[in-house]
C-alpha cells in the first residue's frame, strides 16, 4: 500500500487493515502459499511504517490486538509491541510458542531472537 493512502486513514481503519492482513498472512502460511503470504507481509510492513509514524497513539490498539481471537493477529501485534510493552508482548509470545505449527514456531523464534539481542 502506498504511504499516502495510509496517511489519510484513521487508526481504526489501519487496525482493521492490519487484522485482515495478519489473518490472511497466517492462512497463507498454513496453506503453504508463500507468494500470498509475501503479499500480506508487504501490506503489514507498510502498515508498520504508518503505525510508527503515529506513535504513541497506536500503542493502545496493539495492546488490544494482543488479545484478538486470531493467533496470527496476536503474534504480529505482540511482535510489534515488544518495543513499548515488552512484558505483555513476551507473555503473549510465550503462550503462542506452545502452539503447534507455523504460528508457534514464529513466536518461539521471535522470543529466541529477543533473548539473543537481535530483536527489539
N, C-alpha and C. Protein backbone atom coordinates (compact mmCIF):
# COMPACT_ATOMS: atom_id res chain seq x y z
N UNK A 1 0.84 -1.17 0.00
CA UNK A 1 0.00 0.00 0.00
C UNK A 1 0.89 1.24 0.00
N UNK A 2 0.41 2.24 -0.66
CA UNK A 2 1.18 3.48 -0.74
C UNK A 2 1.05 4.28 0.55
N UNK A 3 2.16 4.83 1.02
CA UNK A 3 2.12 5.60 2.27
C UNK A 3 1.09 6.72 2.26
N UNK A 4 0.93 7.38 1.12
CA UNK A 4 -0.03 8.48 1.04
C UNK A 4 -1.45 8.01 1.33
N UNK A 5 -1.77 6.82 0.84
CA UNK A 5 -3.11 6.28 1.07
C UNK A 5 -3.32 5.96 2.54
N UNK A 6 -2.30 5.44 3.19
CA UNK A 6 -2.42 5.07 4.60
C UNK A 6 -2.53 6.30 5.50
N UNK A 7 -1.86 7.37 5.13
CA UNK A 7 -1.86 8.58 5.95
C UNK A 7 -3.25 9.18 6.10
N UNK A 8 -4.12 8.93 5.15
CA UNK A 8 -5.47 9.51 5.21
C UNK A 8 -6.44 8.66 6.03
N UNK A 9 -6.02 7.48 6.46
CA UNK A 9 -6.90 6.59 7.20
C UNK A 9 -6.83 6.84 8.70
N UNK A 10 -7.92 6.55 9.37
CA UNK A 10 -7.94 6.65 10.83
C UNK A 10 -7.20 5.45 11.43
N UNK A 11 -6.85 5.55 12.69
CA UNK A 11 -6.21 4.43 13.37
C UNK A 11 -7.13 3.22 13.35
N UNK A 12 -8.42 3.43 13.54
CA UNK A 12 -9.39 2.34 13.49
C UNK A 12 -9.32 1.62 12.14
N UNK A 13 -9.26 2.39 11.06
CA UNK A 13 -9.19 1.80 9.72
C UNK A 13 -7.87 1.07 9.50
N UNK A 14 -6.79 1.63 10.00
CA UNK A 14 -5.49 0.98 9.88
C UNK A 14 -5.46 -0.34 10.64
N UNK A 15 -6.04 -0.34 11.82
CA UNK A 15 -6.08 -1.56 12.64
C UNK A 15 -6.91 -2.63 11.92
N UNK A 16 -8.02 -2.24 11.33
CA UNK A 16 -8.85 -3.20 10.59
C UNK A 16 -8.06 -3.81 9.43
N UNK A 17 -7.30 -2.99 8.71
CA UNK A 17 -6.46 -3.50 7.63
C UNK A 17 -5.38 -4.44 8.16
N UNK A 18 -4.81 -4.07 9.29
CA UNK A 18 -3.76 -4.88 9.91
C UNK A 18 -4.30 -6.25 10.32
N UNK A 19 -5.44 -6.25 10.97
CA UNK A 19 -6.04 -7.52 11.39
C UNK A 19 -6.35 -8.41 10.18
N UNK A 20 -6.88 -7.81 9.14
CA UNK A 20 -7.21 -8.56 7.92
C UNK A 20 -5.94 -9.12 7.28
N UNK A 21 -4.91 -8.30 7.18
CA UNK A 21 -3.65 -8.75 6.58
C UNK A 21 -2.98 -9.83 7.42
N UNK A 22 -3.01 -9.68 8.74
CA UNK A 22 -2.40 -10.67 9.63
C UNK A 22 -3.10 -12.02 9.49
N UNK A 23 -4.42 -12.00 9.43
CA UNK A 23 -5.16 -13.25 9.29
C UNK A 23 -4.93 -13.88 7.92
N UNK A 24 -4.89 -13.06 6.88
CA UNK A 24 -4.63 -13.58 5.53
C UNK A 24 -3.21 -14.14 5.43
N UNK A 25 -2.27 -13.47 6.09
CA UNK A 25 -0.89 -13.96 6.11
C UNK A 25 -0.84 -15.33 6.79
N UNK A 26 -1.49 -15.44 7.92
CA UNK A 26 -1.50 -16.71 8.64
C UNK A 26 -2.14 -17.82 7.84
N UNK A 27 -3.25 -17.53 7.19
CA UNK A 27 -3.92 -18.56 6.37
C UNK A 27 -3.01 -18.99 5.23
N UNK A 28 -2.35 -18.04 4.59
CA UNK A 28 -1.43 -18.37 3.50
C UNK A 28 -0.28 -19.24 4.01
N UNK A 29 0.23 -18.92 5.19
CA UNK A 29 1.31 -19.73 5.78
C UNK A 29 0.81 -21.15 6.02
N UNK A 30 -0.36 -21.27 6.62
CA UNK A 30 -0.91 -22.59 6.93
C UNK A 30 -1.23 -23.38 5.67
N UNK A 31 -1.61 -22.69 4.60
CA UNK A 31 -1.97 -23.36 3.35
C UNK A 31 -0.76 -23.61 2.45
N UNK A 32 0.42 -23.20 2.91
CA UNK A 32 1.63 -23.40 2.12
C UNK A 32 1.67 -22.57 0.85
N UNK A 33 1.20 -21.33 0.95
CA UNK A 33 1.18 -20.41 -0.19
C UNK A 33 2.11 -19.22 0.08
N UNK A 34 3.40 -19.41 -0.20
CA UNK A 34 4.37 -18.36 0.14
C UNK A 34 4.16 -17.04 -0.59
N UNK A 35 3.72 -17.08 -1.83
CA UNK A 35 3.50 -15.83 -2.56
C UNK A 35 2.39 -15.01 -1.92
N UNK A 36 1.31 -15.69 -1.54
CA UNK A 36 0.20 -14.99 -0.89
C UNK A 36 0.65 -14.44 0.46
N UNK A 37 1.44 -15.22 1.20
CA UNK A 37 1.96 -14.75 2.49
C UNK A 37 2.87 -13.54 2.30
N UNK A 38 3.69 -13.58 1.28
CA UNK A 38 4.60 -12.47 1.00
C UNK A 38 3.84 -11.19 0.66
N UNK A 39 2.77 -11.33 -0.08
CA UNK A 39 1.95 -10.16 -0.42
C UNK A 39 1.40 -9.52 0.86
N UNK A 40 0.93 -10.34 1.78
CA UNK A 40 0.40 -9.82 3.03
C UNK A 40 1.51 -9.21 3.89
N UNK A 41 2.70 -9.81 3.83
CA UNK A 41 3.84 -9.25 4.57
C UNK A 41 4.13 -7.84 4.09
N UNK A 42 4.07 -7.63 2.79
CA UNK A 42 4.30 -6.28 2.25
C UNK A 42 3.29 -5.28 2.80
N UNK A 43 2.03 -5.70 2.88
CA UNK A 43 0.99 -4.83 3.44
C UNK A 43 1.27 -4.54 4.90
N UNK A 44 1.61 -5.58 5.65
CA UNK A 44 1.88 -5.44 7.08
C UNK A 44 3.06 -4.50 7.32
N UNK A 45 4.11 -4.63 6.52
CA UNK A 45 5.27 -3.75 6.68
C UNK A 45 4.92 -2.30 6.37
N UNK A 46 4.09 -2.08 5.36
CA UNK A 46 3.63 -0.71 5.07
C UNK A 46 2.83 -0.15 6.23
N UNK A 47 1.99 -0.98 6.81
CA UNK A 47 1.20 -0.54 7.96
C UNK A 47 2.11 -0.25 9.15
N UNK A 48 3.14 -1.06 9.35
CA UNK A 48 4.09 -0.81 10.44
C UNK A 48 4.72 0.57 10.31
N UNK A 49 5.07 0.94 9.09
CA UNK A 49 5.66 2.26 8.87
C UNK A 49 4.69 3.37 9.29
N UNK A 50 3.43 3.19 8.92
CA UNK A 50 2.43 4.20 9.29
C UNK A 50 2.18 4.20 10.80
N UNK A 51 2.15 3.02 11.40
CA UNK A 51 1.96 2.95 12.85
C UNK A 51 3.12 3.64 13.57
N UNK A 52 4.34 3.42 13.13
CA UNK A 52 5.49 4.08 13.77
C UNK A 52 5.38 5.60 13.64
N UNK A 53 4.86 6.05 12.52
CA UNK A 53 4.68 7.49 12.32
C UNK A 53 3.66 8.06 13.30
N UNK A 54 2.74 7.22 13.74
CA UNK A 54 1.66 7.67 14.62
C UNK A 54 1.89 7.32 16.09
N UNK A 55 3.06 6.86 16.42
CA UNK A 55 3.38 6.58 17.82
C UNK A 55 3.23 7.87 18.63
N UNK A 56 2.81 7.85 19.85
CA UNK A 56 2.41 6.70 20.65
C UNK A 56 0.90 6.40 20.58
N UNK A 57 0.18 7.13 19.75
CA UNK A 57 -1.29 6.96 19.71
C UNK A 57 -1.73 5.53 19.38
N UNK A 58 -0.95 4.80 18.63
CA UNK A 58 -1.37 3.46 18.20
C UNK A 58 -1.09 2.37 19.23
N UNK A 59 -0.37 2.69 20.25
CA UNK A 59 0.03 1.65 21.22
C UNK A 59 -1.16 0.94 21.85
N UNK A 60 -2.18 1.67 22.19
CA UNK A 60 -3.37 1.05 22.80
C UNK A 60 -3.99 0.03 21.86
N UNK A 61 -4.01 0.34 20.58
CA UNK A 61 -4.56 -0.59 19.60
C UNK A 61 -3.78 -1.90 19.59
N UNK A 62 -2.46 -1.81 19.68
CA UNK A 62 -1.65 -3.03 19.70
C UNK A 62 -1.85 -3.83 20.97
N UNK A 63 -2.01 -3.15 22.08
CA UNK A 63 -2.30 -3.86 23.33
C UNK A 63 -3.62 -4.61 23.24
N UNK A 64 -4.61 -4.01 22.60
CA UNK A 64 -5.90 -4.68 22.41
C UNK A 64 -5.77 -5.85 21.43
N UNK A 65 -5.01 -5.65 20.36
CA UNK A 65 -4.86 -6.73 19.38
C UNK A 65 -4.14 -7.94 19.95
N UNK A 66 -3.38 -7.76 21.02
CA UNK A 66 -2.69 -8.90 21.62
C UNK A 66 -3.66 -9.87 22.29
N UNK A 67 -4.93 -9.49 22.39
CA UNK A 67 -5.94 -10.43 22.91
C UNK A 67 -6.98 -10.78 21.84
N UNK A 68 -6.65 -10.53 20.60
CA UNK A 68 -7.53 -10.83 19.46
C UNK A 68 -7.79 -12.33 19.39
N UNK A 69 -8.92 -12.71 18.84
CA UNK A 69 -9.25 -14.14 18.72
C UNK A 69 -8.32 -14.87 17.76
N UNK A 70 -7.74 -14.17 16.80
CA UNK A 70 -6.84 -14.79 15.84
C UNK A 70 -5.42 -14.86 16.40
N UNK A 71 -4.87 -16.06 16.40
CA UNK A 71 -3.49 -16.23 16.87
C UNK A 71 -2.51 -15.44 16.02
N UNK A 72 -2.82 -15.27 14.74
CA UNK A 72 -1.92 -14.55 13.84
C UNK A 72 -1.92 -13.05 14.14
N UNK A 73 -3.06 -12.52 14.47
CA UNK A 73 -3.12 -11.11 14.87
C UNK A 73 -2.37 -10.93 16.18
N UNK A 74 -2.58 -11.84 17.13
CA UNK A 74 -1.86 -11.75 18.41
C UNK A 74 -0.35 -11.83 18.19
N UNK A 75 0.08 -12.73 17.31
CA UNK A 75 1.51 -12.89 17.04
C UNK A 75 2.12 -11.60 16.51
N UNK A 76 1.52 -11.04 15.49
CA UNK A 76 2.09 -9.84 14.88
C UNK A 76 1.97 -8.62 15.79
N UNK A 77 0.86 -8.53 16.52
CA UNK A 77 0.69 -7.41 17.45
C UNK A 77 1.72 -7.49 18.58
N UNK A 78 1.92 -8.69 19.10
CA UNK A 78 2.90 -8.85 20.18
C UNK A 78 4.31 -8.56 19.70
N UNK A 79 4.63 -9.00 18.50
CA UNK A 79 5.96 -8.75 17.95
C UNK A 79 6.19 -7.24 17.82
N UNK A 80 5.20 -6.53 17.33
CA UNK A 80 5.31 -5.07 17.22
C UNK A 80 5.41 -4.43 18.61
N UNK A 81 4.62 -4.93 19.55
CA UNK A 81 4.54 -4.32 20.89
C UNK A 81 5.77 -4.58 21.75
N UNK A 82 6.67 -5.44 21.31
CA UNK A 82 7.90 -5.67 22.09
C UNK A 82 8.64 -4.37 22.36
N UNK A 83 8.51 -3.41 21.47
CA UNK A 83 9.23 -2.14 21.58
C UNK A 83 8.73 -1.28 22.74
N UNK A 84 7.45 -1.36 23.06
CA UNK A 84 6.91 -0.44 24.07
C UNK A 84 6.22 -1.14 25.24
N UNK A 85 5.95 -2.43 25.11
CA UNK A 85 5.33 -3.17 26.20
C UNK A 85 5.92 -4.59 26.24
N UNK A 86 7.22 -4.67 26.51
CA UNK A 86 7.90 -5.96 26.37
C UNK A 86 7.35 -7.08 27.27
N UNK A 87 6.99 -6.77 28.49
CA UNK A 87 6.50 -7.83 29.38
C UNK A 87 5.19 -8.43 28.86
N UNK A 88 4.26 -7.57 28.47
CA UNK A 88 2.98 -8.06 27.95
C UNK A 88 3.19 -8.81 26.63
N UNK A 89 4.02 -8.27 25.77
CA UNK A 89 4.26 -8.89 24.47
C UNK A 89 4.94 -10.25 24.63
N UNK A 90 5.91 -10.33 25.50
CA UNK A 90 6.60 -11.61 25.72
C UNK A 90 5.64 -12.65 26.29
N UNK A 91 4.72 -12.25 27.15
CA UNK A 91 3.75 -13.20 27.70
C UNK A 91 2.88 -13.78 26.59
N UNK A 92 2.45 -12.94 25.67
CA UNK A 92 1.63 -13.41 24.54
C UNK A 92 2.46 -14.34 23.66
N UNK A 93 3.69 -13.95 23.38
CA UNK A 93 4.55 -14.78 22.54
C UNK A 93 4.86 -16.13 23.20
N UNK A 94 5.06 -16.15 24.50
CA UNK A 94 5.29 -17.43 25.21
C UNK A 94 4.08 -18.34 25.08
N UNK A 95 2.90 -17.76 25.21
CA UNK A 95 1.67 -18.55 25.07
C UNK A 95 1.56 -19.10 23.65
N UNK A 96 1.81 -18.26 22.66
CA UNK A 96 1.71 -18.69 21.27
C UNK A 96 2.78 -19.71 20.91
N UNK A 97 3.94 -19.61 21.53
CA UNK A 97 5.04 -20.53 21.24
C UNK A 97 4.68 -21.97 21.59
N UNK A 98 3.67 -22.16 22.41
CA UNK A 98 3.23 -23.50 22.79
C UNK A 98 2.36 -24.16 21.72
N UNK A 99 1.90 -23.37 20.76
CA UNK A 99 1.02 -23.89 19.72
C UNK A 99 1.82 -24.67 18.68
N UNK A 100 1.20 -25.69 18.11
CA UNK A 100 1.86 -26.40 17.02
C UNK A 100 1.81 -25.56 15.74
N UNK A 101 2.70 -25.85 14.82
CA UNK A 101 2.64 -25.21 13.52
C UNK A 101 3.45 -23.93 13.42
N UNK A 102 3.22 -23.24 12.31
CA UNK A 102 4.00 -22.05 11.97
C UNK A 102 3.87 -20.93 13.00
N UNK A 103 2.68 -20.70 13.49
CA UNK A 103 2.49 -19.61 14.45
C UNK A 103 3.32 -19.85 15.71
N UNK A 104 3.24 -21.05 16.24
CA UNK A 104 4.03 -21.39 17.42
C UNK A 104 5.52 -21.29 17.17
N UNK A 105 5.94 -21.77 16.00
CA UNK A 105 7.36 -21.68 15.64
C UNK A 105 7.81 -20.23 15.58
N UNK A 106 7.05 -19.39 14.89
CA UNK A 106 7.44 -17.98 14.74
C UNK A 106 7.46 -17.25 16.08
N UNK A 107 6.51 -17.56 16.95
CA UNK A 107 6.50 -16.94 18.27
C UNK A 107 7.75 -17.35 19.05
N UNK A 108 8.07 -18.63 19.03
CA UNK A 108 9.27 -19.12 19.72
C UNK A 108 10.54 -18.53 19.13
N UNK A 109 10.60 -18.44 17.81
CA UNK A 109 11.76 -17.85 17.13
C UNK A 109 11.93 -16.39 17.53
N UNK A 110 10.83 -15.66 17.59
CA UNK A 110 10.89 -14.25 17.98
C UNK A 110 11.43 -14.11 19.40
N UNK A 111 10.96 -14.96 20.30
CA UNK A 111 11.47 -14.92 21.68
C UNK A 111 12.95 -15.27 21.73
N UNK A 112 13.36 -16.29 20.98
CA UNK A 112 14.78 -16.67 20.94
C UNK A 112 15.65 -15.53 20.44
N UNK A 113 15.21 -14.88 19.38
CA UNK A 113 15.98 -13.77 18.81
C UNK A 113 16.04 -12.60 19.80
N UNK A 114 14.97 -12.40 20.51
CA UNK A 114 14.94 -11.32 21.50
C UNK A 114 15.95 -11.61 22.61
N UNK A 115 16.00 -12.85 23.07
CA UNK A 115 16.94 -13.21 24.12
C UNK A 115 18.39 -13.05 23.65
N UNK A 116 18.62 -13.29 22.36
CA UNK A 116 19.96 -13.14 21.81
C UNK A 116 20.30 -11.68 21.53
N UNK A 117 19.29 -10.81 21.67
CA UNK A 117 19.52 -9.39 21.47
C UNK A 117 19.44 -8.95 20.03
N UNK A 118 18.85 -9.77 19.18
CA UNK A 118 18.76 -9.41 17.76
C UNK A 118 17.38 -8.91 17.38
N UNK A 119 16.49 -8.78 18.35
CA UNK A 119 15.13 -8.33 18.08
C UNK A 119 14.76 -7.35 19.18
N UNK A 120 14.10 -6.26 18.78
CA UNK A 120 13.67 -5.25 19.78
C UNK A 120 12.70 -5.86 20.76
